[in-house]
Amino acid sequence: MTTEQSPVLEARGLDVTFRVRRGLVRRVPLRAVRSVDLSIGAGETLGLVGESGSGKSTTGRALLRLIEPERGTIRLDGVDITNASGAELRAVRRRMQMVFQDPYSSLDPSMVIGESIGEPLDVHERLPAARRQQRIIELLEHVRLSGRHLDRYPYEFSGGQRQRIAIARAIALNPRLVVCDEAVSALDVSTQNQVINLLERIQREFGISYLFIAHDLAVVRHIADRVAVMYLGELVETGPKDRLFDRPAHPYTEALLSAVPIPDPQRQRARERIVLQGDVPDALNPPSGCTFHTRCPYAMPVCREVVPEPTEVTGGGMVRCHLQTEGPTLAGGPVTEISGRVSG
C-alpha cells in the first residue's frame, strides 16, 4: 500500500557513531550509520536490505530513539522528535513500535502472554481491568490467537506463535510506525508466509507503516512498496520495488539480486551470478571515495577519490554511483542496462 500524503517518518542526515575499544585503553569512533536520508509514507512498507553489519538494525533503533543519533533530524508526522525527552519521548514511543528477530528473547519468560501484551497498555493507557482484559483478547484475535492463550507462558508457543504475540504487543497502542527487524528470518518458509500475510492484513486494517529490515530479498520483494539498500552504513540506492528489482542502478544492488532465486528454471540457469570479491571493509577504516569501490567490478579512478552524490534514477528513487554520471559504457551499457541480466 502506498500513499501520496506527507511522510509518517522522515530522517535527514542521520548519523550514528559508537565508541569501540582498540587495545586496553583507547576508544575510537565507528560510524555505524552515515548520513542516511529516508522517509516512509502512511500505510507504506519500506524494505531496508543489505549484508550483515551494514547498519540496518542500527538505523531502525536510531529512528525509534532506542539509540541516540549523533547528527541528523527525525520527524514523526512532521514533528521533530530528534531531541525529545521525558514525557515527550514517551508519547513519541507509543506511536512507534518494534518487532524483533527473536520473539522468545523479546518476551519475558516469567510472564504469561496476557501480561506481556498488557504491559504497554499499563504504561500508556491505564485502562480499567475489564476493558484491559477485553483489549488484550481483541489483540490476540487480531493475530489469529484467542483468549484461551492468555495464561500461557512463551515457552508453550511455537516460534511463529511467539512472533504473532510480539506483533500483538507492538500494535496494542495503535502505532503509526512499526519497525520489523528481521521479524521473519528465524522462521521456516511456511511460517514466514503466515506472518507476512498477517502483517499485510494488519496494515490494511489499521493503516500502519512498516520499516521492514531483512536480508532475504525475496521476502522484501513480496511485502515492500519501496526498497532502500545499505552498504557500510550508507544508503547506496532507493526506489520503488519493481524498478529496483528489475533495473538495479547500483552494482551492489545488482550483486545482491543476482543471488535471489528465480522460479523459472530456464531463466535461473541463464542468469549470471555475480560474486563480489573480497570482504566488507572495516567500518573503523572505511575506504576513501565510494566505500564500495574495493569490491566493485566496474570501479573507475574517480570512485577511489570522490564520494558519489545522490543521483535521481529513471523510474524513481536515487543511487550513489559514479557510473550514473561519469561512467563509460561498460560491457555494452551502463550498469542500469547491464543489470538486465540479473533482473528477476
C-alpha atoms as a PDB file:
ATOM      1  CA  MET A   1       0.000   0.000   0.000  1.00  0.00           C
ATOM      2  CA  THR A   2       1.361   3.429  -0.906  1.00  0.00           C
ATOM      3  CA  THR A   3       0.283   6.998  -0.321  1.00  0.00           C
ATOM      4  CA  GLU A   4       0.885  10.495  -1.663  1.00  0.00           C
ATOM      5  CA  GLN A   5       0.411  12.105   1.757  1.00  0.00           C
ATOM      6  CA  SER A   6       3.171  13.659   3.860  1.00  0.00           C
ATOM      7  CA  PRO A   7       5.512  11.028   5.296  1.00  0.00           C
ATOM      8  CA  VAL A   8       4.769   9.452   8.647  1.00  0.00           C
ATOM      9  CA  LEU A   9       8.500   9.260   9.341  1.00  0.00           C
ATOM     10  CA  GLU A  10      11.302  11.271   7.795  1.00  0.00           C
ATOM     11  CA  ALA A  11      15.013  11.197   8.619  1.00  0.00           C
ATOM     12  CA  ARG A  12      17.633  13.542   7.191  1.00  0.00           C
ATOM     13  CA  GLY A  13      21.393  13.273   7.581  1.00  0.00           C
ATOM     14  CA  LEU A  14      21.124  10.557  10.246  1.00  0.00           C
ATOM     15  CA  ASP A  15      24.479   9.616  11.752  1.00  0.00           C
ATOM     16  CA  VAL A  16      25.125   7.052  14.490  1.00  0.00           C
ATOM     17  CA  THR A  17      28.614   6.725  15.952  1.00  0.00           C
ATOM     18  CA  PHE A  18      29.785   4.220  18.545  1.00  0.00           C
ATOM     19  CA  ARG A  19      32.982   4.367  20.573  1.00  0.00           C
ATOM     20  CA  VAL A  20      34.669   0.980  20.334  1.00  0.00           C
ATOM     21  CA  ARG A  21      37.675  -0.280  22.213  1.00  0.00           C
ATOM     22  CA  ARG A  22      41.001  -0.676  20.438  1.00  0.00           C
ATOM     23  CA  GLY A  23      43.651  -2.066  22.721  1.00  0.00           C
ATOM     24  CA  LEU A  24      43.435  -1.858  26.507  1.00  0.00           C
ATOM     25  CA  VAL A  25      42.565   1.812  26.873  1.00  0.00           C
ATOM     26  CA  ARG A  26      41.957   3.538  23.560  1.00  0.00           C
ATOM     27  CA  ARG A  27      38.438   4.013  22.204  1.00  0.00           C
ATOM     28  CA  VAL A  28      37.911   5.037  18.603  1.00  0.00           C
ATOM     29  CA  PRO A  29      34.787   6.235  16.759  1.00  0.00           C
ATOM     30  CA  LEU A  30      32.893   3.863  14.477  1.00  0.00           C
ATOM     31  CA  ARG A  31      30.304   5.473  12.191  1.00  0.00           C
ATOM     32  CA  ALA A  32      27.690   2.734  12.004  1.00  0.00           C
ATOM     33  CA  VAL A  33      25.169   4.899  10.113  1.00  0.00           C
ATOM     34  CA  ARG A  34      26.387   7.580   7.727  1.00  0.00           C
ATOM     35  CA  SER A  35      24.218  10.490   6.535  1.00  0.00           C
ATOM     36  CA  VAL A  36      21.071   8.436   5.963  1.00  0.00           C
ATOM     37  CA  ASP A  37      18.035  10.106   4.387  1.00  0.00           C
ATOM     38  CA  LEU A  38      14.770   8.182   4.238  1.00  0.00           C
ATOM     39  CA  SER A  39      11.026   8.635   4.501  1.00  0.00           C
ATOM     40  CA  ILE A  40       8.060   6.309   4.995  1.00  0.00           C
ATOM     41  CA  GLY A  41       4.540   7.240   3.933  1.00  0.00           C
ATOM     42  CA  ALA A  42       1.272   6.430   5.675  1.00  0.00           C
ATOM     43  CA  GLY A  43       0.357   2.796   5.149  1.00  0.00           C
ATOM     44  CA  GLU A  44       3.611   2.181   3.268  1.00  0.00           C
ATOM     45  CA  THR A  45       6.249  -0.515   3.731  1.00  0.00           C
ATOM     46  CA  LEU A  46       9.874   0.448   3.179  1.00  0.00           C
ATOM     47  CA  GLY A  47      12.189  -2.547   2.882  1.00  0.00           C
ATOM     48  CA  LEU A  48      15.724  -1.989   4.198  1.00  0.00           C
ATOM     49  CA  VAL A  49      18.256  -4.522   2.920  1.00  0.00           C
ATOM     50  CA  GLY A  50      21.996  -5.166   2.983  1.00  0.00           C
ATOM     51  CA  GLU A  51      24.607  -7.575   4.279  1.00  0.00           C
ATOM     52  CA  SER A  52      25.124  -8.246   7.985  1.00  0.00           C
ATOM     53  CA  GLY A  53      26.866  -5.291   9.580  1.00  0.00           C
ATOM     54  CA  SER A  54      25.607  -2.790   7.014  1.00  0.00           C
ATOM     55  CA  GLY A  55      23.803  -0.710   9.646  1.00  0.00           C
ATOM     56  CA  LYS A  56      20.199  -1.773   9.014  1.00  0.00           C
ATOM     57  CA  SER A  57      19.249  -2.619  12.603  1.00  0.00           C
ATOM     58  CA  THR A  58      21.156   0.352  13.992  1.00  0.00           C
ATOM     59  CA  THR A  59      19.186   2.613  11.652  1.00  0.00           C
ATOM     60  CA  GLY A  60      15.897   1.131  12.854  1.00  0.00           C
ATOM     61  CA  ARG A  61      16.811   1.580  16.501  1.00  0.00           C
ATOM     62  CA  ALA A  62      18.007   5.144  15.915  1.00  0.00           C
ATOM     63  CA  LEU A  63      14.716   6.061  14.242  1.00  0.00           C
ATOM     64  CA  LEU A  64      12.888   4.848  17.364  1.00  0.00           C
ATOM     65  CA  ARG A  65      15.368   6.732  19.579  1.00  0.00           C
ATOM     66  CA  LEU A  66      16.470   3.475  21.199  1.00  0.00           C
ATOM     67  CA  ILE A  67      19.950   4.576  20.098  1.00  0.00           C
ATOM     68  CA  GLU A  68      20.837   8.267  20.150  1.00  0.00           C
ATOM     69  CA  PRO A  69      21.907   9.610  16.746  1.00  0.00           C
ATOM     70  CA  GLU A  70      24.971  11.827  16.755  1.00  0.00           C
ATOM     71  CA  ARG A  71      23.683  14.026  13.944  1.00  0.00           C
ATOM     72  CA  GLY A  72      20.612  14.463  11.786  1.00  0.00           C
ATOM     73  CA  THR A  73      16.899  15.015  12.288  1.00  0.00           C
ATOM     74  CA  ILE A  74      13.973  12.628  12.754  1.00  0.00           C
ATOM     75  CA  ARG A  75      10.402  13.785  12.160  1.00  0.00           C
ATOM     76  CA  LEU A  76       7.262  11.864  13.069  1.00  0.00           C
ATOM     77  CA  ASP A  77       4.139  13.221  11.368  1.00  0.00           C
ATOM     78  CA  GLY A  78       6.060  16.409  10.658  1.00  0.00           C
ATOM     79  CA  VAL A  79       7.162  16.975  14.267  1.00  0.00           C
ATOM     80  CA  ASP A  80      10.891  16.990  15.053  1.00  0.00           C
ATOM     81  CA  ILE A  81      11.486  14.275  17.662  1.00  0.00           C
ATOM     82  CA  THR A  82      15.285  14.256  17.456  1.00  0.00           C
ATOM     83  CA  ASN A  83      15.745  15.825  20.872  1.00  0.00           C
ATOM     84  CA  ALA A  84      12.520  14.669  22.528  1.00  0.00           C
ATOM     85  CA  SER A  85      12.971  13.542  26.128  1.00  0.00           C
ATOM     86  CA  GLY A  86      10.964  12.596  29.191  1.00  0.00           C
ATOM     87  CA  ALA A  87       7.193  12.663  28.766  1.00  0.00           C
ATOM     88  CA  GLU A  88       7.538  13.899  25.185  1.00  0.00           C
ATOM     89  CA  LEU A  89       9.705  10.924  24.223  1.00  0.00           C
ATOM     90  CA  ARG A  90       7.319   8.523  25.960  1.00  0.00           C
ATOM     91  CA  ALA A  91       4.437   9.962  23.911  1.00  0.00           C
ATOM     92  CA  VAL A  92       6.516   9.511  20.753  1.00  0.00           C
ATOM     93  CA  ARG A  93       7.346   5.898  21.533  1.00  0.00           C
ATOM     94  CA  ARG A  94       3.714   4.877  21.849  1.00  0.00           C
ATOM     95  CA  ARG A  95       3.386   5.823  18.158  1.00  0.00           C
ATOM     96  CA  MET A  96       6.469   3.860  17.088  1.00  0.00           C
ATOM     97  CA  GLN A  97       6.965   0.212  17.997  1.00  0.00           C
ATOM     98  CA  MET A  98       9.373  -2.595  17.121  1.00  0.00           C
ATOM     99  CA  VAL A  99       9.137  -6.315  16.378  1.00  0.00           C
ATOM    100  CA  PHE A 100      12.448  -8.094  16.933  1.00  0.00           C
ATOM    101  CA  GLN A 101      14.009 -11.103  15.229  1.00  0.00           C
ATOM    102  CA  ASP A 102      13.836 -13.435  18.226  1.00  0.00           C
ATOM    103  CA  PRO A 103      10.388 -13.251  19.829  1.00  0.00           C
ATOM    104  CA  TYR A 104      11.425 -15.547  22.675  1.00  0.00           C
ATOM    105  CA  SER A 105      14.120 -13.186  23.916  1.00  0.00           C
ATOM    106  CA  SER A 106      11.821 -10.160  23.497  1.00  0.00           C
ATOM    107  CA  LEU A 107       9.081 -11.752  25.624  1.00  0.00           C
ATOM    108  CA  ASP A 108       9.646 -12.048  29.376  1.00  0.00           C
ATOM    109  CA  PRO A 109       9.754 -15.823  30.024  1.00  0.00           C
ATOM    110  CA  SER A 110       8.393 -15.294  33.550  1.00  0.00           C
ATOM    111  CA  MET A 111       5.261 -13.500  32.284  1.00  0.00           C
ATOM    112  CA  VAL A 112       2.157 -15.089  30.832  1.00  0.00           C
ATOM    113  CA  ILE A 113       1.473 -13.612  27.428  1.00  0.00           C
ATOM    114  CA  GLY A 114      -1.612 -11.748  28.631  1.00  0.00           C
ATOM    115  CA  GLU A 115       0.643  -9.725  30.931  1.00  0.00           C
ATOM    116  CA  SER A 116       3.254  -9.187  28.207  1.00  0.00           C
ATOM    117  CA  ILE A 117       0.667  -7.808  25.790  1.00  0.00           C
ATOM    118  CA  GLY A 118      -0.955  -5.754  28.550  1.00  0.00           C
ATOM    119  CA  GLU A 119       2.304  -4.134  29.660  1.00  0.00           C
ATOM    120  CA  PRO A 120       2.257  -1.235  27.126  1.00  0.00           C
ATOM    121  CA  LEU A 121      -1.404  -0.644  27.984  1.00  0.00           C
ATOM    122  CA  ASP A 122      -0.462  -0.363  31.671  1.00  0.00           C
ATOM    123  CA  VAL A 123       2.309   2.137  30.925  1.00  0.00           C
ATOM    124  CA  HIS A 124       0.437   4.374  28.487  1.00  0.00           C
ATOM    125  CA  GLU A 125      -3.325   3.929  28.935  1.00  0.00           C
ATOM    126  CA  ARG A 126      -4.098   2.513  32.414  1.00  0.00           C
ATOM    127  CA  LEU A 127      -7.413   1.014  31.382  1.00  0.00           C
ATOM    128  CA  PRO A 128      -9.992  -0.363  33.835  1.00  0.00           C
ATOM    129  CA  ALA A 129      -9.389  -4.072  34.450  1.00  0.00           C
ATOM    130  CA  ALA A 130     -12.357  -5.300  32.400  1.00  0.00           C
ATOM    131  CA  ARG A 131     -11.541  -3.065  29.422  1.00  0.00           C
ATOM    132  CA  ARG A 132      -7.867  -4.026  29.639  1.00  0.00           C
ATOM    133  CA  GLN A 133      -8.750  -7.731  29.517  1.00  0.00           C
ATOM    134  CA  GLN A 134     -11.092  -7.156  26.589  1.00  0.00           C
ATOM    135  CA  ARG A 135      -8.424  -5.211  24.694  1.00  0.00           C
ATOM    136  CA  ILE A 136      -5.823  -7.967  25.192  1.00  0.00           C
ATOM    137  CA  ILE A 137      -8.249 -10.587  23.864  1.00  0.00           C
ATOM    138  CA  GLU A 138      -9.018  -8.348  20.859  1.00  0.00           C
ATOM    139  CA  LEU A 139      -5.299  -8.061  20.126  1.00  0.00           C
ATOM    140  CA  LEU A 140      -4.835 -11.828  20.329  1.00  0.00           C
ATOM    141  CA  GLU A 141      -7.730 -12.323  17.942  1.00  0.00           C
ATOM    142  CA  HIS A 142      -6.185  -9.828  15.513  1.00  0.00           C
ATOM    143  CA  VAL A 143      -3.150 -12.137  15.251  1.00  0.00           C
ATOM    144  CA  ARG A 144      -5.250 -15.312  14.987  1.00  0.00           C
ATOM    145  CA  LEU A 145      -4.853 -16.430  18.602  1.00  0.00           C
ATOM    146  CA  SER A 146      -7.553 -16.361  21.282  1.00  0.00           C
ATOM    147  CA  GLY A 147      -8.351 -15.568  24.892  1.00  0.00           C
ATOM    148  CA  ARG A 148      -7.617 -19.142  25.951  1.00  0.00           C
ATOM    149  CA  HIS A 149      -3.915 -18.370  25.385  1.00  0.00           C
ATOM    150  CA  LEU A 150      -3.851 -15.548  27.949  1.00  0.00           C
ATOM    151  CA  ASP A 151      -2.386 -17.529  30.834  1.00  0.00           C
ATOM    152  CA  ARG A 152       0.271 -19.441  28.926  1.00  0.00           C
ATOM    153  CA  TYR A 153       3.990 -18.733  29.008  1.00  0.00           C
ATOM    154  CA  PRO A 154       6.169 -18.002  25.946  1.00  0.00           C
ATOM    155  CA  TYR A 155       7.845 -21.433  26.032  1.00  0.00           C
ATOM    156  CA  GLU A 156       4.462 -23.053  25.381  1.00  0.00           C
ATOM    157  CA  PHE A 157       4.226 -21.497  21.909  1.00  0.00           C
ATOM    158  CA  SER A 158       5.946 -22.171  18.600  1.00  0.00           C
ATOM    159  CA  GLY A 159       8.279 -19.587  17.049  1.00  0.00           C
ATOM    160  CA  GLY A 160       5.564 -18.387  14.695  1.00  0.00           C
ATOM    161  CA  GLN A 161       3.039 -18.055  17.519  1.00  0.00           C
ATOM    162  CA  ARG A 162       5.550 -16.131  19.646  1.00  0.00           C
ATOM    163  CA  GLN A 163       6.098 -13.724  16.764  1.00  0.00           C
ATOM    164  CA  ARG A 164       2.334 -13.241  16.496  1.00  0.00           C
ATOM    165  CA  ILE A 165       2.284 -12.398  20.207  1.00  0.00           C
ATOM    166  CA  ALA A 166       5.108  -9.889  19.679  1.00  0.00           C
ATOM    167  CA  ILE A 167       3.109  -8.305  16.843  1.00  0.00           C
ATOM    168  CA  ALA A 168       0.006  -8.118  19.056  1.00  0.00           C
ATOM    169  CA  ARG A 169       2.015  -6.270  21.681  1.00  0.00           C
ATOM    170  CA  ALA A 170       3.507  -3.949  19.051  1.00  0.00           C
ATOM    171  CA  ILE A 171       0.083  -2.854  17.768  1.00  0.00           C
ATOM    172  CA  ALA A 172      -1.510  -2.554  21.230  1.00  0.00           C
ATOM    173  CA  LEU A 173      -1.200   1.255  21.252  1.00  0.00           C
ATOM    174  CA  ASN A 174      -2.293   1.777  17.625  1.00  0.00           C
ATOM    175  CA  PRO A 175       1.147   2.966  16.476  1.00  0.00           C
ATOM    176  CA  ARG A 176       1.809   4.935  13.314  1.00  0.00           C
ATOM    177  CA  LEU A 177       5.010   3.010  12.542  1.00  0.00           C
ATOM    178  CA  VAL A 178       6.297  -0.468  13.339  1.00  0.00           C
ATOM    179  CA  VAL A 179       9.933  -1.373  12.727  1.00  0.00           C
ATOM    180  CA  CYS A 180      10.186  -5.079  11.865  1.00  0.00           C
ATOM    181  CA  ASP A 181      13.819  -6.024  12.477  1.00  0.00           C
ATOM    182  CA  GLU A 182      14.418  -9.369  10.735  1.00  0.00           C
ATOM    183  CA  ALA A 183      10.968 -10.299  12.039  1.00  0.00           C
ATOM    184  CA  VAL A 184      10.613 -13.459   9.919  1.00  0.00           C
ATOM    185  CA  SER A 185      14.224 -14.511   9.344  1.00  0.00           C
ATOM    186  CA  ALA A 186      14.231 -17.076  12.191  1.00  0.00           C
ATOM    187  CA  LEU A 187      11.053 -18.788  10.929  1.00  0.00           C
ATOM    188  CA  ASP A 188      10.580 -21.582   8.411  1.00  0.00           C
ATOM    189  CA  VAL A 189       9.245 -20.639   4.969  1.00  0.00           C
ATOM    190  CA  SER A 190       5.647 -21.675   5.649  1.00  0.00           C
ATOM    191  CA  THR A 191       5.530 -19.731   8.909  1.00  0.00           C
ATOM    192  CA  GLN A 192       7.230 -16.760   7.245  1.00  0.00           C
ATOM    193  CA  ASN A 193       4.391 -16.570   4.735  1.00  0.00           C
ATOM    194  CA  GLN A 194       1.797 -16.696   7.504  1.00  0.00           C
ATOM    195  CA  VAL A 195       3.455 -13.877   9.451  1.00  0.00           C
ATOM    196  CA  ILE A 196       3.917 -11.731   6.330  1.00  0.00           C
ATOM    197  CA  ASN A 197       0.257 -12.202   5.417  1.00  0.00           C
ATOM    198  CA  LEU A 198      -0.643 -11.207   8.976  1.00  0.00           C
ATOM    199  CA  LEU A 199       1.468  -8.041   8.769  1.00  0.00           C
ATOM    200  CA  GLU A 200      -0.159  -7.114   5.463  1.00  0.00           C
ATOM    201  CA  ARG A 201      -3.660  -7.666   6.844  1.00  0.00           C
ATOM    202  CA  ILE A 202      -2.920  -5.548   9.918  1.00  0.00           C
ATOM    203  CA  GLN A 203      -1.563  -2.822   7.648  1.00  0.00           C
ATOM    204  CA  ARG A 204      -4.754  -2.817   5.589  1.00  0.00           C
ATOM    205  CA  GLU A 205      -6.942  -2.688   8.700  1.00  0.00           C
ATOM    206  CA  PHE A 206      -5.053  -0.049  10.681  1.00  0.00           C
ATOM    207  CA  GLY A 207      -3.024   1.896   8.102  1.00  0.00           C
ATOM    208  CA  ILE A 208       0.242   1.161   9.918  1.00  0.00           C
ATOM    209  CA  SER A 209       3.537   1.962   8.188  1.00  0.00           C
ATOM    210  CA  TYR A 210       6.401  -0.539   8.318  1.00  0.00           C
ATOM    211  CA  LEU A 211      10.154  -0.297   8.140  1.00  0.00           C
ATOM    212  CA  PHE A 212      10.863  -3.905   7.173  1.00  0.00           C
ATOM    213  CA  ILE A 213      14.511  -4.782   7.812  1.00  0.00           C
ATOM    214  CA  ALA A 214      15.638  -8.036   6.202  1.00  0.00           C
ATOM    215  CA  HIS A 215      18.416  -9.799   4.343  1.00  0.00           C
ATOM    216  CA  ASP A 216      16.069 -12.035   2.328  1.00  0.00           C
ATOM    217  CA  LEU A 217      15.326 -10.034  -0.813  1.00  0.00           C
ATOM    218  CA  ALA A 218      12.603 -12.437  -1.958  1.00  0.00           C
ATOM    219  CA  VAL A 219      10.650 -11.672   1.223  1.00  0.00           C
ATOM    220  CA  VAL A 220      11.266  -7.944   0.792  1.00  0.00           C
ATOM    221  CA  ARG A 221      10.006  -8.024  -2.784  1.00  0.00           C
ATOM    222  CA  HIS A 222       6.778  -9.593  -1.561  1.00  0.00           C
ATOM    223  CA  ILE A 223       5.988  -7.154   1.239  1.00  0.00           C
ATOM    224  CA  ALA A 224       7.670  -3.828   0.400  1.00  0.00           C
ATOM    225  CA  ASP A 225       6.404  -0.873  -1.612  1.00  0.00           C
ATOM    226  CA  ARG A 226       9.841   0.741  -1.802  1.00  0.00           C
ATOM    227  CA  VAL A 227      13.310  -0.610  -1.041  1.00  0.00           C
ATOM    228  CA  ALA A 228      16.454   1.004   0.382  1.00  0.00           C
ATOM    229  CA  VAL A 229      19.844  -0.718   0.065  1.00  0.00           C
ATOM    230  CA  MET A 230      22.561  -0.179   2.693  1.00  0.00           C
ATOM    231  CA  TYR A 231      26.275  -0.804   2.414  1.00  0.00           C
ATOM    232  CA  LEU A 232      28.748   0.001   5.185  1.00  0.00           C
ATOM    233  CA  GLY A 233      26.337   2.362   6.929  1.00  0.00           C
ATOM    234  CA  GLU A 234      25.257   4.283   3.812  1.00  0.00           C
ATOM    235  CA  LEU A 235      22.174   4.138   1.634  1.00  0.00           C
ATOM    236  CA  VAL A 236      23.518   3.395  -1.836  1.00  0.00           C
ATOM    237  CA  GLU A 237      20.196   3.007  -3.642  1.00  0.00           C
ATOM    238  CA  THR A 238      16.487   3.528  -3.044  1.00  0.00           C
ATOM    239  CA  GLY A 239      13.474   3.122  -5.270  1.00  0.00           C
ATOM    240  CA  PRO A 240      10.096   1.542  -5.948  1.00  0.00           C
ATOM    241  CA  LYS A 241      10.492  -2.209  -5.571  1.00  0.00           C
ATOM    242  CA  ASP A 242       9.610  -3.089  -9.168  1.00  0.00           C
ATOM    243  CA  ARG A 243      12.112  -0.629 -10.639  1.00  0.00           C
ATOM    244  CA  LEU A 244      14.835  -1.599  -8.181  1.00  0.00           C
ATOM    245  CA  PHE A 245      14.410  -5.354  -8.643  1.00  0.00           C
ATOM    246  CA  ASP A 246      14.036  -5.183 -12.423  1.00  0.00           C
ATOM    247  CA  ARG A 247      16.553  -2.409 -13.156  1.00  0.00           C
ATOM    248  CA  PRO A 248      19.020  -2.011 -10.270  1.00  0.00           C
ATOM    249  CA  ALA A 249      21.119   1.120 -10.644  1.00  0.00           C
ATOM    250  CA  HIS A 250      23.950   0.297  -8.215  1.00  0.00           C
ATOM    251  CA  PRO A 251      26.476  -2.542  -8.689  1.00  0.00           C
ATOM    252  CA  TYR A 252      25.962  -3.656  -5.080  1.00  0.00           C
ATOM    253  CA  THR A 253      22.208  -3.969  -5.591  1.00  0.00           C
ATOM    254  CA  GLU A 254      22.920  -5.829  -8.814  1.00  0.00           C
ATOM    255  CA  ALA A 255      25.125  -8.329  -6.968  1.00  0.00           C
ATOM    256  CA  LEU A 256      22.590  -8.855  -4.171  1.00  0.00           C
ATOM    257  CA  LEU A 257      19.804  -9.532  -6.667  1.00  0.00           C
ATOM    258  CA  SER A 258      21.908 -12.000  -8.628  1.00  0.00           C
ATOM    259  CA  ALA A 259      21.764 -14.322  -5.600  1.00  0.00           C
ATOM    260  CA  VAL A 260      17.945 -14.296  -5.388  1.00  0.00           C
ATOM    261  CA  PRO A 261      16.453 -17.492  -6.878  1.00  0.00           C
ATOM    262  CA  ILE A 262      14.080 -17.115  -9.843  1.00  0.00           C
ATOM    263  CA  PRO A 263      11.088 -19.503 -10.029  1.00  0.00           C
ATOM    264  CA  ASP A 264      11.634 -20.021 -13.780  1.00  0.00           C
ATOM    265  CA  PRO A 265      14.358 -22.750 -14.084  1.00  0.00           C
ATOM    266  CA  GLN A 266      15.320 -21.675 -17.600  1.00  0.00           C
ATOM    267  CA  ARG A 267      15.865 -18.055 -16.587  1.00  0.00           C
ATOM    268  CA  GLN A 268      17.676 -19.187 -13.443  1.00  0.00           C
ATOM    269  CA  ARG A 269      20.176 -21.242 -15.471  1.00  0.00           C
ATOM    270  CA  ALA A 270      20.731 -18.429 -17.966  1.00  0.00           C
ATOM    271  CA  ARG A 271      21.336 -15.775 -15.333  1.00  0.00           C
ATOM    272  CA  GLU A 272      24.850 -14.777 -14.366  1.00  0.00           C
ATOM    273  CA  ARG A 273      25.644 -14.938 -10.667  1.00  0.00           C
ATOM    274  CA  ILE A 274      27.789 -12.019  -9.529  1.00  0.00           C
ATOM    275  CA  VAL A 275      30.202 -12.972  -6.750  1.00  0.00           C
ATOM    276  CA  LEU A 276      31.728  -9.962  -5.052  1.00  0.00           C
ATOM    277  CA  GLN A 277      35.451 -10.186  -4.433  1.00  0.00           C
ATOM    278  CA  GLY A 278      36.930  -9.556  -1.006  1.00  0.00           C
ATOM    279  CA  ASP A 279      35.300  -8.859   2.329  1.00  0.00           C
ATOM    280  CA  VAL A 280      33.297  -5.896   3.553  1.00  0.00           C
ATOM    281  CA  PRO A 281      35.861  -3.247   4.601  1.00  0.00           C
ATOM    282  CA  ASP A 282      36.495  -2.434   8.241  1.00  0.00           C
ATOM    283  CA  ALA A 283      33.944   0.175   9.334  1.00  0.00           C
ATOM    284  CA  LEU A 284      36.623   1.705  11.572  1.00  0.00           C
ATOM    285  CA  ASN A 285      38.700   2.442   8.482  1.00  0.00           C
ATOM    286  CA  PRO A 286      36.340   2.719   5.507  1.00  0.00           C
ATOM    287  CA  PRO A 287      37.735   3.213   2.001  1.00  0.00           C
ATOM    288  CA  SER A 288      38.047   6.709   0.589  1.00  0.00           C
ATOM    289  CA  GLY A 289      35.671   7.845  -2.124  1.00  0.00           C
ATOM    290  CA  CYS A 290      32.898   5.346  -2.786  1.00  0.00           C
ATOM    291  CA  THR A 291      33.019   2.809   0.045  1.00  0.00           C
ATOM    292  CA  PHE A 292      32.045   0.035  -2.401  1.00  0.00           C
ATOM    293  CA  HIS A 293      34.918   0.611  -4.842  1.00  0.00           C
ATOM    294  CA  THR A 294      37.136  -2.075  -3.255  1.00  0.00           C
ATOM    295  CA  ARG A 295      34.628  -4.764  -4.319  1.00  0.00           C
ATOM    296  CA  CYS A 296      33.014  -3.162  -7.365  1.00  0.00           C
ATOM    297  CA  PRO A 297      33.609  -4.861 -10.746  1.00  0.00           C
ATOM    298  CA  TYR A 298      33.062  -1.509 -12.515  1.00  0.00           C
ATOM    299  CA  ALA A 299      35.287   0.702 -10.312  1.00  0.00           C
ATOM    300  CA  MET A 300      36.931   3.698 -12.000  1.00  0.00           C
ATOM    301  CA  PRO A 301      39.686   6.019 -10.710  1.00  0.00           C
ATOM    302  CA  VAL A 302      37.093   8.605  -9.636  1.00  0.00           C
ATOM    303  CA  CYS A 303      35.451   6.003  -7.394  1.00  0.00           C
ATOM    304  CA  ARG A 304      38.583   5.796  -5.249  1.00  0.00           C
ATOM    305  CA  GLU A 305      38.797   9.548  -4.759  1.00  0.00           C
ATOM    306  CA  VAL A 306      35.347  11.156  -4.731  1.00  0.00           C
ATOM    307  CA  VAL A 307      32.287  10.315  -2.637  1.00  0.00           C
ATOM    308  CA  PRO A 308      29.363   9.913  -5.075  1.00  0.00           C
ATOM    309  CA  GLU A 309      26.425  12.258  -4.602  1.00  0.00           C
ATOM    310  CA  PRO A 310      22.812  11.025  -4.723  1.00  0.00           C
ATOM    311  CA  THR A 311      21.506  10.948  -8.300  1.00  0.00           C
ATOM    312  CA  GLU A 312      17.890  10.534  -9.355  1.00  0.00           C
ATOM    313  CA  VAL A 313      17.082   7.307 -11.179  1.00  0.00           C
ATOM    314  CA  THR A 314      14.643   6.989 -14.062  1.00  0.00           C
ATOM    315  CA  GLY A 315      11.655   5.137 -12.670  1.00  0.00           C
ATOM    316  CA  GLY A 316      12.030   6.599  -9.179  1.00  0.00           C
ATOM    317  CA  GLY A 317      14.485   6.670  -6.302  1.00  0.00           C
ATOM    318  CA  MET A 318      18.150   7.584  -6.060  1.00  0.00           C
ATOM    319  CA  VAL A 319      21.564   5.982  -6.403  1.00  0.00           C
ATOM    320  CA  ARG A 320      25.035   6.904  -5.159  1.00  0.00           C
ATOM    321  CA  CYS A 321      27.251   5.737  -8.013  1.00  0.00           C
ATOM    322  CA  HIS A 322      29.667   7.480 -10.386  1.00  0.00           C
ATOM    323  CA  LEU A 323      28.593   5.156 -13.188  1.00  0.00           C
ATOM    324  CA  GLN A 324      25.390   7.172 -13.436  1.00  0.00           C
ATOM    325  CA  THR A 325      27.191  10.427 -14.190  1.00  0.00           C
ATOM    326  CA  GLU A 326      30.776   9.729 -15.236  1.00  0.00           C
ATOM    327  CA  GLY A 327      30.945   6.094 -16.276  1.00  0.00           C
ATOM    328  CA  PRO A 328      31.834   4.966 -19.784  1.00  0.00           C
ATOM    329  CA  THR A 329      29.795   2.286 -21.475  1.00  0.00           C
ATOM    330  CA  LEU A 330      30.752  -0.952 -19.786  1.00  0.00           C
ATOM    331  CA  ALA A 331      30.075  -4.379 -21.270  1.00  0.00           C
ATOM    332  CA  GLY A 332      27.698  -2.756 -23.741  1.00  0.00           C
ATOM    333  CA  GLY A 333      25.958  -0.270 -21.447  1.00  0.00           C
ATOM    334  CA  PRO A 334      25.848   1.497 -18.083  1.00  0.00           C
ATOM    335  CA  VAL A 335      25.000  -0.542 -15.030  1.00  0.00           C
ATOM    336  CA  THR A 336      21.291   0.267 -15.363  1.00  0.00           C
ATOM    337  CA  GLU A 337      21.359  -1.609 -18.673  1.00  0.00           C
ATOM    338  CA  ILE A 338      23.898  -4.264 -17.722  1.00  0.00           C
ATOM    339  CA  SER A 339      21.724  -5.156 -14.745  1.00  0.00           C
ATOM    340  CA  GLY A 340      19.050  -6.551 -17.026  1.00  0.00           C
ATOM    341  CA  ARG A 341      20.972  -9.807 -16.913  1.00  0.00           C
ATOM    342  CA  VAL A 342      20.165 -10.208 -13.203  1.00  0.00           C
ATOM    343  CA  SER A 343      16.611  -8.945 -13.101  1.00  0.00           C
ATOM    344  CA  GLY A 344      14.097 -11.328 -11.642  1.00  0.00           C
END
